[in-house]
């Protein structure tokens, strides 16, 4: 129990340290990623107004989960959020890893967004 609490505290501390340096605007929003055990969520945030521009997750109906690994699903989430952003006229974004290490599913979201047409 103690290690789980300590890990969460460390992640929150890393999250706040990274968030101080990253700022998203409407022209170049921040892509924030949240990773749970079963799903991955990504949202584009305009920090000037505090609005979510668009969002995507493995729970959306556009993502087919059957027979895919979690990292492949995360790649699809990245492509979906890039598609939604391009529909709104957004071509660039800042990536916020939200305190997670940049590998595995978090990296797959960024790679999917790049392949979808976003410049990160």
PDB file of N, CA and C in Angstrom:
ATOM      1  N   UNK A   1       0.816  -1.204   0.000  1.00  0.00           N
ATOM      2  CA  UNK A   1       0.000   0.000   0.000  1.00  0.00           C
ATOM      3  C   UNK A   1       0.851   1.255   0.000  1.00  0.00           C
ATOM      4  N   UNK A   2       1.888   1.284   0.785  1.00  0.00           N
ATOM      5  CA  UNK A   2       2.688   2.493   0.902  1.00  0.00           C
ATOM      6  C   UNK A   2       3.375   2.832  -0.421  1.00  0.00           C
ATOM      7  N   UNK A   3       3.869   1.810  -1.146  1.00  0.00           N
ATOM      8  CA  UNK A   3       4.561   2.071  -2.402  1.00  0.00           C
ATOM      9  C   UNK A   3       3.618   2.648  -3.455  1.00  0.00           C
ATOM     10  N   UNK A   4       2.369   2.206  -3.475  1.00  0.00           N
ATOM     11  CA  UNK A   4       1.408   2.734  -4.435  1.00  0.00           C
ATOM     12  C   UNK A   4       1.167   4.209  -4.166  1.00  0.00           C
ATOM     13  N   UNK A   5       0.976   4.571  -2.919  1.00  0.00           N
ATOM     14  CA  UNK A   5       0.761   5.970  -2.575  1.00  0.00           C
ATOM     15  C   UNK A   5       1.992   6.799  -2.928  1.00  0.00           C
ATOM     16  N   UNK A   6       3.173   6.280  -2.635  1.00  0.00           N
ATOM     17  CA  UNK A   6       4.399   6.990  -2.941  1.00  0.00           C
ATOM     18  C   UNK A   6       4.545   7.186  -4.447  1.00  0.00           C
ATOM     19  N   UNK A   7       4.215   6.161  -5.244  1.00  0.00           N
ATOM     20  CA  UNK A   7       4.314   6.278  -6.689  1.00  0.00           C
ATOM     21  C   UNK A   7       3.383   7.361  -7.207  1.00  0.00           C
ATOM     22  N   UNK A   8       2.142   7.389  -6.693  1.00  0.00           N
ATOM     23  CA  UNK A   8       1.194   8.410  -7.144  1.00  0.00           C
ATOM     24  C   UNK A   8       1.686   9.799  -6.776  1.00  0.00           C
ATOM     25  N   UNK A   9       2.237   9.946  -5.580  1.00  0.00           N
ATOM     26  CA  UNK A   9       2.755  11.247  -5.169  1.00  0.00           C
ATOM     27  C   UNK A   9       3.901  11.686  -6.082  1.00  0.00           C
ATOM     28  N   UNK A  10       4.783  10.762  -6.427  1.00  0.00           N
ATOM     29  CA  UNK A  10       5.905  11.094  -7.305  1.00  0.00           C
ATOM     30  C   UNK A  10       5.402  11.482  -8.690  1.00  0.00           C
ATOM     31  N   UNK A  11       4.400  10.772  -9.213  1.00  0.00           N
ATOM     32  CA  UNK A  11       3.868  11.092 -10.535  1.00  0.00           C
ATOM     33  C   UNK A  11       3.223  12.466 -10.530  1.00  0.00           C
ATOM     34  N   UNK A  12       2.489  12.788  -9.475  1.00  0.00           N
ATOM     35  CA  UNK A  12       1.850  14.094  -9.389  1.00  0.00           C
ATOM     36  C   UNK A  12       2.920  15.188  -9.313  1.00  0.00           C
ATOM     37  N   UNK A  13       3.990  14.948  -8.575  1.00  0.00           N
ATOM     38  CA  UNK A  13       5.065  15.922  -8.485  1.00  0.00           C
ATOM     39  C   UNK A  13       5.722  16.139  -9.847  1.00  0.00           C
ATOM     40  N   UNK A  14       5.982  15.047 -10.577  1.00  0.00           N
ATOM     41  CA  UNK A  14       6.540  15.168 -11.930  1.00  0.00           C
ATOM     42  C   UNK A  14       5.571  15.881 -12.855  1.00  0.00           C
ATOM     43  N   UNK A  15       4.278  15.574 -12.715  1.00  0.00           N
ATOM     44  CA  UNK A  15       3.249  16.203 -13.546  1.00  0.00           C
ATOM     45  C   UNK A  15       3.256  17.722 -13.370  1.00  0.00           C
ATOM     46  N   UNK A  16       3.288  18.172 -12.136  1.00  0.00           N
ATOM     47  CA  UNK A  16       3.267  19.606 -11.872  1.00  0.00           C
ATOM     48  C   UNK A  16       4.548  20.292 -12.344  1.00  0.00           C
ATOM     49  N   UNK A  17       5.670  19.603 -12.218  1.00  0.00           N
ATOM     50  CA  UNK A  17       6.938  20.174 -12.653  1.00  0.00           C
ATOM     51  C   UNK A  17       6.956  20.356 -14.176  1.00  0.00           C
ATOM     52  N   UNK A  18       6.414  19.388 -14.900  1.00  0.00           N
ATOM     53  CA  UNK A  18       6.376  19.480 -16.359  1.00  0.00           C
ATOM     54  C   UNK A  18       5.336  20.504 -16.796  1.00  0.00           C
ATOM     55  N   UNK A  19       4.201  20.560 -16.105  1.00  0.00           N
ATOM     56  CA  UNK A  19       3.109  21.449 -16.502  1.00  0.00           C
ATOM     57  C   UNK A  19       3.482  22.922 -16.334  1.00  0.00           C
ATOM     58  N   UNK A  20       4.436  23.226 -15.446  1.00  0.00           N
ATOM     59  CA  UNK A  20       4.888  24.608 -15.296  1.00  0.00           C
ATOM     60  C   UNK A  20       5.503  25.130 -16.591  1.00  0.00           C
ATOM     61  N   UNK A  21       6.155  24.232 -17.341  1.00  0.00           N
ATOM     62  CA  UNK A  21       6.891  24.639 -18.526  1.00  0.00           C
ATOM     63  C   UNK A  21       6.062  24.559 -19.801  1.00  0.00           C
ATOM     64  N   UNK A  22       4.951  23.831 -19.773  1.00  0.00           N
ATOM     65  CA  UNK A  22       4.142  23.610 -20.970  1.00  0.00           C
ATOM     66  C   UNK A  22       2.864  24.433 -20.876  1.00  0.00           C
ATOM     67  N   UNK A  23       2.556  25.154 -21.939  1.00  0.00           N
ATOM     68  CA  UNK A  23       1.334  25.946 -21.995  1.00  0.00           C
ATOM     69  C   UNK A  23       0.690  25.754 -23.357  1.00  0.00           C
ATOM     70  N   UNK A  24      -0.600  25.482 -23.358  1.00  0.00           N
ATOM     71  CA  UNK A  24      -1.314  25.291 -24.604  1.00  0.00           C
ATOM     72  C   UNK A  24      -2.205  26.476 -24.916  1.00  0.00           C
ATOM     73  N   UNK A  25      -2.277  26.850 -26.178  1.00  0.00           N
ATOM     74  CA  UNK A  25      -3.169  27.910 -26.635  1.00  0.00           C
ATOM     75  C   UNK A  25      -4.149  27.289 -27.616  1.00  0.00           C
ATOM     76  N   UNK A  26      -5.087  28.101 -28.135  1.00  0.00           N
ATOM     77  CA  UNK A  26      -6.040  27.542 -29.085  1.00  0.00           C
ATOM     78  C   UNK A  26      -5.349  27.166 -30.395  1.00  0.00           C
ATOM     79  N   UNK A  27      -4.356  27.943 -30.804  1.00  0.00           N
ATOM     80  CA  UNK A  27      -3.626  27.647 -32.038  1.00  0.00           C
ATOM     81  C   UNK A  27      -2.745  26.413 -31.855  1.00  0.00           C
ATOM     82  N   UNK A  28      -2.158  26.274 -30.684  1.00  0.00           N
ATOM     83  CA  UNK A  28      -1.257  25.163 -30.384  1.00  0.00           C
ATOM     84  C   UNK A  28      -1.613  24.576 -29.023  1.00  0.00           C
ATOM     85  N   UNK A  29      -2.669  23.760 -28.943  1.00  0.00           N
ATOM     86  CA  UNK A  29      -3.123  23.245 -27.649  1.00  0.00           C
ATOM     87  C   UNK A  29      -2.192  22.178 -27.081  1.00  0.00           C
ATOM     88  N   UNK A  30      -2.445  21.864 -25.829  1.00  0.00           N
ATOM     89  CA  UNK A  30      -1.662  20.860 -25.109  1.00  0.00           C
ATOM     90  C   UNK A  30      -2.409  19.535 -25.169  1.00  0.00           C
ATOM     91  N   UNK A  31      -1.710  18.464 -25.571  1.00  0.00           N
ATOM     92  CA  UNK A  31      -2.296  17.123 -25.566  1.00  0.00           C
ATOM     93  C   UNK A  31      -1.915  16.470 -24.241  1.00  0.00           C
ATOM     94  N   UNK A  32      -2.893  16.281 -23.389  1.00  0.00           N
ATOM     95  CA  UNK A  32      -2.666  15.663 -22.093  1.00  0.00           C
ATOM     96  C   UNK A  32      -3.101  14.200 -22.169  1.00  0.00           C
ATOM     97  N   UNK A  33      -2.252  13.313 -21.659  1.00  0.00           N
ATOM     98  CA  UNK A  33      -2.508  11.873 -21.737  1.00  0.00           C
ATOM     99  C   UNK A  33      -2.710  11.335 -20.330  1.00  0.00           C
ATOM    100  N   UNK A  34      -3.743  10.521 -20.148  1.00  0.00           N
ATOM    101  CA  UNK A  34      -3.946   9.809 -18.892  1.00  0.00           C
ATOM    102  C   UNK A  34      -3.992   8.323 -19.201  1.00  0.00           C
ATOM    103  N   UNK A  35      -3.250   7.562 -18.415  1.00  0.00           N
ATOM    104  CA  UNK A  35      -3.133   6.130 -18.647  1.00  0.00           C
ATOM    105  C   UNK A  35      -3.696   5.381 -17.449  1.00  0.00           C
ATOM    106  N   UNK A  36      -4.679   4.533 -17.678  1.00  0.00           N
ATOM    107  CA  UNK A  36      -5.167   3.664 -16.612  1.00  0.00           C
ATOM    108  C   UNK A  36      -4.726   2.236 -16.938  1.00  0.00           C
ATOM    109  N   UNK A  37      -5.115   1.297 -16.116  1.00  0.00           N
ATOM    110  CA  UNK A  37      -4.705  -0.080 -16.374  1.00  0.00           C
ATOM    111  C   UNK A  37      -5.336  -0.641 -17.640  1.00  0.00           C
ATOM    112  N   UNK A  38      -6.553  -0.233 -17.940  1.00  0.00           N
ATOM    113  CA  UNK A  38      -7.258  -0.815 -19.077  1.00  0.00           C
ATOM    114  C   UNK A  38      -7.379   0.117 -20.269  1.00  0.00           C
ATOM    115  N   UNK A  39      -7.368   1.415 -20.059  1.00  0.00           N
ATOM    116  CA  UNK A  39      -7.632   2.364 -21.134  1.00  0.00           C
ATOM    117  C   UNK A  39      -6.584   3.468 -21.160  1.00  0.00           C
ATOM    118  N   UNK A  40      -6.637   4.259 -22.227  1.00  0.00           N
ATOM    119  CA  UNK A  40      -5.799   5.446 -22.322  1.00  0.00           C
ATOM    120  C   UNK A  40      -6.658   6.577 -22.861  1.00  0.00           C
ATOM    121  N   UNK A  41      -6.493   7.747 -22.300  1.00  0.00           N
ATOM    122  CA  UNK A  41      -7.295   8.907 -22.651  1.00  0.00           C
ATOM    123  C   UNK A  41      -6.361  10.025 -23.096  1.00  0.00           C
ATOM    124  N   UNK A  42      -6.779  10.776 -24.112  1.00  0.00           N
ATOM    125  CA  UNK A  42      -6.014  11.937 -24.563  1.00  0.00           C
ATOM    126  C   UNK A  42      -6.997  13.071 -24.802  1.00  0.00           C
ATOM    127  N   UNK A  43      -6.598  14.271 -24.406  1.00  0.00           N
ATOM    128  CA  UNK A  43      -7.444  15.431 -24.662  1.00  0.00           C
ATOM    129  C   UNK A  43      -6.578  16.624 -25.019  1.00  0.00           C
ATOM    130  N   UNK A  44      -7.097  17.461 -25.907  1.00  0.00           N
ATOM    131  CA  UNK A  44      -6.406  18.680 -26.294  1.00  0.00           C
ATOM    132  C   UNK A  44      -7.010  19.824 -25.480  1.00  0.00           C
ATOM    133  N   UNK A  45      -6.143  20.574 -24.796  1.00  0.00           N
ATOM    134  CA  UNK A  45      -6.595  21.588 -23.858  1.00  0.00           C
ATOM    135  C   UNK A  45      -6.068  22.956 -24.274  1.00  0.00           C
ATOM    136  N   UNK A  46      -6.967  23.930 -24.286  1.00  0.00           N
ATOM    137  CA  UNK A  46      -6.609  25.334 -24.472  1.00  0.00           C
ATOM    138  C   UNK A  46      -6.469  25.937 -23.079  1.00  0.00           C
ATOM    139  N   UNK A  47      -5.229  26.151 -22.634  1.00  0.00           N
ATOM    140  CA  UNK A  47      -4.992  26.634 -21.272  1.00  0.00           C
ATOM    141  C   UNK A  47      -5.375  28.093 -21.084  1.00  0.00           C
ATOM    142  N   UNK A  48      -5.450  28.869 -22.167  1.00  0.00           N
ATOM    143  CA  UNK A  48      -5.851  30.270 -22.040  1.00  0.00           C
ATOM    144  C   UNK A  48      -7.280  30.385 -21.526  1.00  0.00           C
ATOM    145  N   UNK A  49      -8.182  29.592 -22.097  1.00  0.00           N
ATOM    146  CA  UNK A  49      -9.590  29.627 -21.692  1.00  0.00           C
ATOM    147  C   UNK A  49      -9.955  28.513 -20.726  1.00  0.00           C
ATOM    148  N   UNK A  50      -9.113  27.486 -20.627  1.00  0.00           N
ATOM    149  CA  UNK A  50      -9.415  26.349 -19.767  1.00  0.00           C
ATOM    150  C   UNK A  50     -10.416  25.393 -20.386  1.00  0.00           C
ATOM    151  N   UNK A  51     -10.465  25.356 -21.712  1.00  0.00           N
ATOM    152  CA  UNK A  51     -11.417  24.503 -22.415  1.00  0.00           C
ATOM    153  C   UNK A  51     -10.728  23.281 -23.011  1.00  0.00           C
ATOM    154  N   UNK A  52     -11.493  22.202 -23.103  1.00  0.00           N
ATOM    155  CA  UNK A  52     -11.037  21.029 -23.831  1.00  0.00           C
ATOM    156  C   UNK A  52     -11.474  21.183 -25.274  1.00  0.00           C
ATOM    157  N   UNK A  53     -10.518  21.189 -26.187  1.00  0.00           N
ATOM    158  CA  UNK A  53     -10.805  21.384 -27.604  1.00  0.00           C
ATOM    159  C   UNK A  53     -11.388  20.106 -28.201  1.00  0.00           C
ATOM    160  N   UNK A  54     -10.729  18.971 -27.968  1.00  0.00           N
ATOM    161  CA  UNK A  54     -11.260  17.674 -28.404  1.00  0.00           C
ATOM    162  C   UNK A  54     -10.646  16.584 -27.537  1.00  0.00           C
ATOM    163  N   UNK A  55     -11.243  15.404 -27.588  1.00  0.00           N
ATOM    164  CA  UNK A  55     -10.773  14.301 -26.768  1.00  0.00           C
ATOM    165  C   UNK A  55     -10.934  12.995 -27.519  1.00  0.00           C
ATOM    166  N   UNK A  56     -10.164  12.002 -27.083  1.00  0.00           N
ATOM    167  CA  UNK A  56     -10.263  10.654 -27.648  1.00  0.00           C
ATOM    168  C   UNK A  56      -9.809   9.671 -26.579  1.00  0.00           C
ATOM    169  N   UNK A  57     -10.366   8.486 -26.614  1.00  0.00           N
ATOM    170  CA  UNK A  57      -9.949   7.448 -25.675  1.00  0.00           C
ATOM    171  C   UNK A  57     -10.227   6.089 -26.288  1.00  0.00           C
ATOM    172  N   UNK A  58      -9.745   5.063 -25.611  1.00  0.00           N
ATOM    173  CA  UNK A  58      -9.999   3.709 -26.093  1.00  0.00           C
ATOM    174  C   UNK A  58     -11.450   3.307 -25.866  1.00  0.00           C
ATOM    175  N   UNK A  59     -12.194   4.102 -25.120  1.00  0.00           N
ATOM    176  CA  UNK A  59     -13.602   3.802 -24.879  1.00  0.00           C
ATOM    177  C   UNK A  59     -14.508   4.334 -25.985  1.00  0.00           C
ATOM    178  N   UNK A  60     -13.971   5.167 -26.884  1.00  0.00           N
ATOM    179  CA  UNK A  60     -14.802   5.704 -27.959  1.00  0.00           C
ATOM    180  C   UNK A  60     -15.123   4.612 -28.973  1.00  0.00           C
ATOM    181  N   UNK A  61     -16.239   4.779 -29.657  1.00  0.00           N
ATOM    182  CA  UNK A  61     -16.721   3.743 -30.560  1.00  0.00           C
ATOM    183  C   UNK A  61     -15.922   3.653 -31.851  1.00  0.00           C
ATOM    184  N   UNK A  62     -15.089   4.685 -32.139  1.00  0.00           N
ATOM    185  CA  UNK A  62     -14.272   4.666 -33.348  1.00  0.00           C
ATOM    186  C   UNK A  62     -13.064   3.738 -33.218  1.00  0.00           C
ATOM    187  N   UNK A  63     -12.693   3.374 -31.995  1.00  0.00           N
ATOM    188  CA  UNK A  63     -11.540   2.521 -31.749  1.00  0.00           C
ATOM    189  C   UNK A  63     -12.006   1.068 -31.630  1.00  0.00           C
ATOM    190  N   UNK A  64     -11.412   0.196 -32.425  1.00  0.00           N
ATOM    191  CA  UNK A  64     -11.716  -1.227 -32.344  1.00  0.00           C
ATOM    192  C   UNK A  64     -10.678  -1.866 -31.434  1.00  0.00           C
ATOM    193  N   UNK A  65     -11.125  -2.401 -30.302  1.00  0.00           N
ATOM    194  CA  UNK A  65     -10.208  -2.952 -29.318  1.00  0.00           C
ATOM    195  C   UNK A  65      -9.955  -4.441 -29.517  1.00  0.00           C
ATOM    196  N   UNK A  66     -10.854  -5.099 -30.202  1.00  0.00           N
ATOM    197  CA  UNK A  66     -10.806  -6.554 -30.315  1.00  0.00           C
ATOM    198  C   UNK A  66      -9.518  -7.020 -30.996  1.00  0.00           C
ATOM    199  N   UNK A  67      -8.729  -7.827 -30.302  1.00  0.00           N
ATOM    200  CA  UNK A  67      -7.538  -8.429 -30.872  1.00  0.00           C
ATOM    201  C   UNK A  67      -6.336  -7.517 -30.980  1.00  0.00           C
ATOM    202  N   UNK A  68      -6.369  -6.345 -30.349  1.00  0.00           N
ATOM    203  CA  UNK A  68      -5.236  -5.429 -30.408  1.00  0.00           C
ATOM    204  C   UNK A  68      -4.611  -5.287 -29.033  1.00  0.00           C
ATOM    205  N   UNK A  69      -3.293  -5.086 -29.032  1.00  0.00           N
ATOM    206  CA  UNK A  69      -2.598  -4.830 -27.779  1.00  0.00           C
ATOM    207  C   UNK A  69      -2.884  -3.399 -27.327  1.00  0.00           C
ATOM    208  N   UNK A  70      -2.567  -3.114 -26.068  1.00  0.00           N
ATOM    209  CA  UNK A  70      -2.844  -1.781 -25.515  1.00  0.00           C
ATOM    210  C   UNK A  70      -2.057  -0.698 -26.237  1.00  0.00           C
ATOM    211  N   UNK A  71      -0.821  -0.991 -26.633  1.00  0.00           N
ATOM    212  CA  UNK A  71      -0.023   0.027 -27.322  1.00  0.00           C
ATOM    213  C   UNK A  71      -0.581   0.298 -28.719  1.00  0.00           C
ATOM    214  N   UNK A  72      -1.134  -0.726 -29.371  1.00  0.00           N
ATOM    215  CA  UNK A  72      -1.769  -0.519 -30.684  1.00  0.00           C
ATOM    216  C   UNK A  72      -3.050   0.303 -30.541  1.00  0.00           C
ATOM    217  N   UNK A  73      -3.795   0.071 -29.462  1.00  0.00           N
ATOM    218  CA  UNK A  73      -4.992   0.873 -29.195  1.00  0.00           C
ATOM    219  C   UNK A  73      -4.599   2.327 -28.918  1.00  0.00           C
ATOM    220  N   UNK A  74      -3.500   2.537 -28.197  1.00  0.00           N
ATOM    221  CA  UNK A  74      -3.036   3.892 -27.903  1.00  0.00           C
ATOM    222  C   UNK A  74      -2.628   4.606 -29.195  1.00  0.00           C
ATOM    223  N   UNK A  75      -2.028   3.883 -30.127  1.00  0.00           N
ATOM    224  CA  UNK A  75      -1.664   4.457 -31.420  1.00  0.00           C
ATOM    225  C   UNK A  75      -2.909   4.919 -32.161  1.00  0.00           C
ATOM    226  N   UNK A  76      -3.976   4.131 -32.099  1.00  0.00           N
ATOM    227  CA  UNK A  76      -5.245   4.497 -32.729  1.00  0.00           C
ATOM    228  C   UNK A  76      -5.853   5.733 -32.059  1.00  0.00           C
ATOM    229  N   UNK A  77      -5.704   5.847 -30.745  1.00  0.00           N
ATOM    230  CA  UNK A  77      -6.200   7.027 -30.026  1.00  0.00           C
ATOM    231  C   UNK A  77      -5.468   8.271 -30.517  1.00  0.00           C
ATOM    232  N   UNK A  78      -4.164   8.154 -30.722  1.00  0.00           N
ATOM    233  CA  UNK A  78      -3.388   9.279 -31.241  1.00  0.00           C
ATOM    234  C   UNK A  78      -3.841   9.690 -32.634  1.00  0.00           C
ATOM    235  N   UNK A  79      -4.117   8.705 -33.490  1.00  0.00           N
ATOM    236  CA  UNK A  79      -4.594   9.028 -34.835  1.00  0.00           C
ATOM    237  C   UNK A  79      -5.976   9.671 -34.789  1.00  0.00           C
ATOM    238  N   UNK A  80      -6.827   9.208 -33.882  1.00  0.00           N
ATOM    239  CA  UNK A  80      -8.176   9.757 -33.765  1.00  0.00           C
ATOM    240  C   UNK A  80      -8.155  11.203 -33.262  1.00  0.00           C
ATOM    241  N   UNK A  81      -7.310  11.493 -32.277  1.00  0.00           N
ATOM    242  CA  UNK A  81      -7.261  12.867 -31.776  1.00  0.00           C
ATOM    243  C   UNK A  81      -6.652  13.797 -32.829  1.00  0.00           C
ATOM    244  N   UNK A  82      -5.726  13.283 -33.634  1.00  0.00           N
ATOM    245  CA  UNK A  82      -5.173  14.098 -34.727  1.00  0.00           C
ATOM    246  C   UNK A  82      -6.237  14.388 -35.767  1.00  0.00           C
ATOM    247  N   UNK A  83      -7.067  13.399 -36.060  1.00  0.00           N
ATOM    248  CA  UNK A  83      -8.152  13.590 -37.039  1.00  0.00           C
ATOM    249  C   UNK A  83      -9.140  14.646 -36.553  1.00  0.00           C
ATOM    250  N   UNK A  84      -9.509  14.567 -35.268  1.00  0.00           N
ATOM    251  CA  UNK A  84     -10.448  15.542 -34.708  1.00  0.00           C
ATOM    252  C   UNK A  84      -9.837  16.944 -34.672  1.00  0.00           C
ATOM    253  N   UNK A  85      -8.538  17.023 -34.393  1.00  0.00           N
ATOM    254  CA  UNK A  85      -7.878  18.327 -34.344  1.00  0.00           C
ATOM    255  C   UNK A  85      -7.787  18.941 -35.737  1.00  0.00           C
ATOM    256  N   UNK A  86      -7.483  18.136 -36.741  1.00  0.00           N
ATOM    257  CA  UNK A  86      -7.385  18.652 -38.102  1.00  0.00           C
ATOM    258  C   UNK A  86      -8.738  19.132 -38.615  1.00  0.00           C
ATOM    259  N   UNK A  87      -9.824  18.495 -38.167  1.00  0.00           N
ATOM    260  CA  UNK A  87     -11.167  18.955 -38.534  1.00  0.00           C
ATOM    261  C   UNK A  87     -11.447  20.345 -37.964  1.00  0.00           C
ATOM    262  N   UNK A  88     -10.839  20.645 -36.806  1.00  0.00           N
ATOM    263  CA  UNK A  88     -11.037  21.958 -36.194  1.00  0.00           C
ATOM    264  C   UNK A  88      -9.993  22.971 -36.654  1.00  0.00           C
ATOM    265  N   UNK A  89      -9.100  22.569 -37.549  1.00  0.00           N
ATOM    266  CA  UNK A  89      -8.113  23.489 -38.094  1.00  0.00           C
ATOM    267  C   UNK A  89      -6.839  23.612 -37.271  1.00  0.00           C
ATOM    268  N   UNK A  90      -6.587  22.664 -36.392  1.00  0.00           N
ATOM    269  CA  UNK A  90      -5.389  22.688 -35.554  1.00  0.00           C
ATOM    270  C   UNK A  90      -4.345  21.778 -36.194  1.00  0.00           C
ATOM    271  N   UNK A  91      -3.145  22.320 -36.430  1.00  0.00           N
ATOM    272  CA  UNK A  91      -2.092  21.557 -37.093  1.00  0.00           C
ATOM    273  C   UNK A  91      -0.908  21.263 -36.187  1.00  0.00           C
ATOM    274  N   UNK A  92      -0.778  22.018 -35.087  1.00  0.00           N
ATOM    275  CA  UNK A  92       0.341  21.841 -34.163  1.00  0.00           C
ATOM    276  C   UNK A  92      -0.182  21.662 -32.745  1.00  0.00           C
ATOM    277  N   UNK A  93       0.590  20.949 -31.926  1.00  0.00           N
ATOM    278  CA  UNK A  93       0.210  20.748 -30.538  1.00  0.00           C
ATOM    279  C   UNK A  93       1.467  20.557 -29.687  1.00  0.00           C
ATOM    280  N   UNK A  94       1.302  20.733 -28.386  1.00  0.00           N
ATOM    281  CA  UNK A  94       2.364  20.481 -27.412  1.00  0.00           C
ATOM    282  C   UNK A  94       1.974  19.221 -26.666  1.00  0.00           C
ATOM    283  N   UNK A  95       2.905  18.292 -26.487  1.00  0.00           N
ATOM    284  CA  UNK A  95       2.598  17.009 -25.852  1.00  0.00           C
ATOM    285  C   UNK A  95       2.917  17.069 -24.369  1.00  0.00           C
ATOM    286  N   UNK A  96       1.922  16.755 -23.540  1.00  0.00           N
ATOM    287  CA  UNK A  96       2.069  16.706 -22.083  1.00  0.00           C
ATOM    288  C   UNK A  96       1.948  15.248 -21.667  1.00  0.00           C
ATOM    289  N   UNK A  97       3.053  14.668 -21.224  1.00  0.00           N
ATOM    290  CA  UNK A  97       3.039  13.249 -20.863  1.00  0.00           C
ATOM    291  C   UNK A  97       2.423  13.006 -19.491  1.00  0.00           C
ATOM    292  N   UNK A  98       2.087  14.068 -18.776  1.00  0.00           N
ATOM    293  CA  UNK A  98       1.317  13.997 -17.533  1.00  0.00           C
ATOM    294  C   UNK A  98       2.029  13.225 -16.423  1.00  0.00           C
ATOM    295  N   UNK A  99       3.355  13.306 -16.385  1.00  0.00           N
ATOM    296  CA  UNK A  99       4.112  12.650 -15.327  1.00  0.00           C
ATOM    297  C   UNK A  99       4.499  11.224 -15.626  1.00  0.00           C
ATOM    298  N   UNK A 100       4.039  10.669 -16.731  1.00  0.00           N
ATOM    299  CA  UNK A 100       4.406   9.310 -17.116  1.00  0.00           C
ATOM    300  C   UNK A 100       5.702   9.345 -17.919  1.00  0.00           C
ATOM    301  N   UNK A 101       6.416   8.221 -17.935  1.00  0.00           N
ATOM    302  CA  UNK A 101       7.610   8.148 -18.763  1.00  0.00           C
ATOM    303  C   UNK A 101       7.206   8.088 -20.230  1.00  0.00           C
ATOM    304  N   UNK A 102       8.038   8.654 -21.079  1.00  0.00           N
ATOM    305  CA  UNK A 102       7.734   8.712 -22.512  1.00  0.00           C
ATOM    306  C   UNK A 102       8.179   7.409 -23.161  1.00  0.00           C
ATOM    307  N   UNK A 103       7.400   6.363 -22.953  1.00  0.00           N
ATOM    308  CA  UNK A 103       7.622   5.089 -23.624  1.00  0.00           C
ATOM    309  C   UNK A 103       6.331   4.296 -23.554  1.00  0.00           C
ATOM    310  N   UNK A 104       6.234   3.232 -24.307  1.00  0.00           N
ATOM    311  CA  UNK A 104       5.057   2.381 -24.275  1.00  0.00           C
ATOM    312  C   UNK A 104       3.832   3.067 -24.844  1.00  0.00           C
ATOM    313  N   UNK A 105       2.744   3.031 -24.076  1.00  0.00           N
ATOM    314  CA  UNK A 105       1.469   3.569 -24.557  1.00  0.00           C
ATOM    315  C   UNK A 105       1.491   5.080 -24.711  1.00  0.00           C
ATOM    316  N   UNK A 106       2.210   5.773 -23.844  1.00  0.00           N
ATOM    317  CA  UNK A 106       2.277   7.235 -23.936  1.00  0.00           C
ATOM    318  C   UNK A 106       2.987   7.634 -25.230  1.00  0.00           C
ATOM    319  N   UNK A 107       4.068   6.949 -25.550  1.00  0.00           N
ATOM    320  CA  UNK A 107       4.788   7.224 -26.792  1.00  0.00           C
ATOM    321  C   UNK A 107       3.934   6.845 -28.000  1.00  0.00           C
ATOM    322  N   UNK A 108       3.144   5.785 -27.893  1.00  0.00           N
ATOM    323  CA  UNK A 108       2.291   5.365 -29.004  1.00  0.00           C
ATOM    324  C   UNK A 108       1.240   6.416 -29.332  1.00  0.00           C
ATOM    325  N   UNK A 109       0.713   7.087 -28.314  1.00  0.00           N
ATOM    326  CA  UNK A 109      -0.260   8.163 -28.562  1.00  0.00           C
ATOM    327  C   UNK A 109       0.400   9.282 -29.355  1.00  0.00           C
ATOM    328  N   UNK A 110       1.608   9.670 -28.966  1.00  0.00           N
ATOM    329  CA  UNK A 110       2.319  10.741 -29.665  1.00  0.00           C
ATOM    330  C   UNK A 110       2.651  10.321 -31.102  1.00  0.00           C
ATOM    331  N   UNK A 111       3.086   9.086 -31.282  1.00  0.00           N
ATOM    332  CA  UNK A 111       3.403   8.604 -32.634  1.00  0.00           C
ATOM    333  C   UNK A 111       2.159   8.550 -33.510  1.00  0.00           C
ATOM    334  N   UNK A 112       1.041   8.130 -32.942  1.00  0.00           N
ATOM    335  CA  UNK A 112      -0.211   8.095 -33.697  1.00  0.00           C
ATOM    336  C   UNK A 112      -0.677   9.488 -34.097  1.00  0.00           C
ATOM    337  N   UNK A 113      -0.495  10.449 -33.197  1.00  0.00           N
ATOM    338  CA  UNK A 113      -0.876  11.831 -33.517  1.00  0.00           C
ATOM    339  C   UNK A 113       0.006  12.389 -34.633  1.00  0.00           C
ATOM    340  N   UNK A 114       1.290  12.045 -34.592  1.00  0.00           N
ATOM    341  CA  UNK A 114       2.190  12.492 -35.663  1.00  0.00           C
ATOM    342  C   UNK A 114       1.799  11.867 -36.998  1.00  0.00           C
ATOM    343  N   UNK A 115       1.488  10.579 -36.975  1.00  0.00           N
ATOM    344  CA  UNK A 115       1.083   9.923 -38.226  1.00  0.00           C
ATOM    345  C   UNK A 115      -0.256  10.433 -38.722  1.00  0.00           C
ATOM    346  N   UNK A 116      -1.104  10.855 -37.796  1.00  0.00           N
ATOM    347  CA  UNK A 116      -2.399  11.417 -38.171  1.00  0.00           C
ATOM    348  C   UNK A 116      -2.310  12.800 -38.793  1.00  0.00           C
ATOM    349  N   UNK A 117      -1.139  13.442 -38.707  1.00  0.00           N
ATOM    350  CA  UNK A 117      -0.964  14.722 -39.358  1.00  0.00           C
ATOM    351  C   UNK A 117      -0.661  15.893 -38.442  1.00  0.00           C
ATOM    352  N   UNK A 118      -0.593  15.648 -37.130  1.00  0.00           N
ATOM    353  CA  UNK A 118      -0.265  16.735 -36.202  1.00  0.00           C
ATOM    354  C   UNK A 118       1.251  16.899 -36.087  1.00  0.00           C
ATOM    355  N   UNK A 119       1.674  18.125 -35.901  1.00  0.00           N
ATOM    356  CA  UNK A 119       3.080  18.398 -35.661  1.00  0.00           C
ATOM    357  C   UNK A 119       3.258  18.597 -34.160  1.00  0.00           C
ATOM    358  N   UNK A 120       4.005  17.688 -33.546  1.00  0.00           N
ATOM    359  CA  UNK A 120       4.226  17.748 -32.095  1.00  0.00           C
ATOM    360  C   UNK A 120       5.675  18.098 -31.851  1.00  0.00           C
TER     361      UNK A 120
END
